């Protein structure tokens, strides 16, 4: 595929992902008190190469398994091996909140002069935290993370990920809004609005 077309596809992919989280945010949490919000998720997911959706050039194999593709789209489902949430001055553990579903969509533009060079990955991460156990009735927050991260075939790149995080409440948490940024792998910080008093 022509490099200009590949670049356009990658930019379009990133643009759609970056715009998607803004849908429905205008009214959520309007005029409500803000509390500090931190989240940590220790993810366990399936192998990268096993979840490739498509590649470019068409029919090429991913570089991570010895192929020559230079644009790779991947979808990875994951679970949480560890989870913690801090809202205001209160900490919530896996006995209070559960990650019920998580899916990451990745677009990898692969064109390294050397295997150790960092490769940029456009990331869209969608997951839901379920607080039903805490509130005694259906209560959840759906999150979308969009941004970019880096990896190489030879190990850690030393380049920090850069992502934004948005969450919208459902059930008894309807009207709750979370906004934040990624501070490290699996770690996020920001604010939450509309968080109710516990029953």
Foldseek 3Di string as FASTA:
>chain_A
DDPVVVVVVVVVVQVVQVPVLVPPPPQQQPPFDKWKKKKFFDKDKDDFQVFWPAFPPGPWGDVLVPTDTQKTKGKIKIAGPFIWMDTHNDIDGCQQKGWPTKMKIWIWGHDDPDQLAKTKIWIWMWTKIFRCSQQVWTKIKIKIKTFIDIDGSVGDNPDFTWIKMWIAMDDVQHSKIWTWIADHVRMIIGIIGSDDDHD
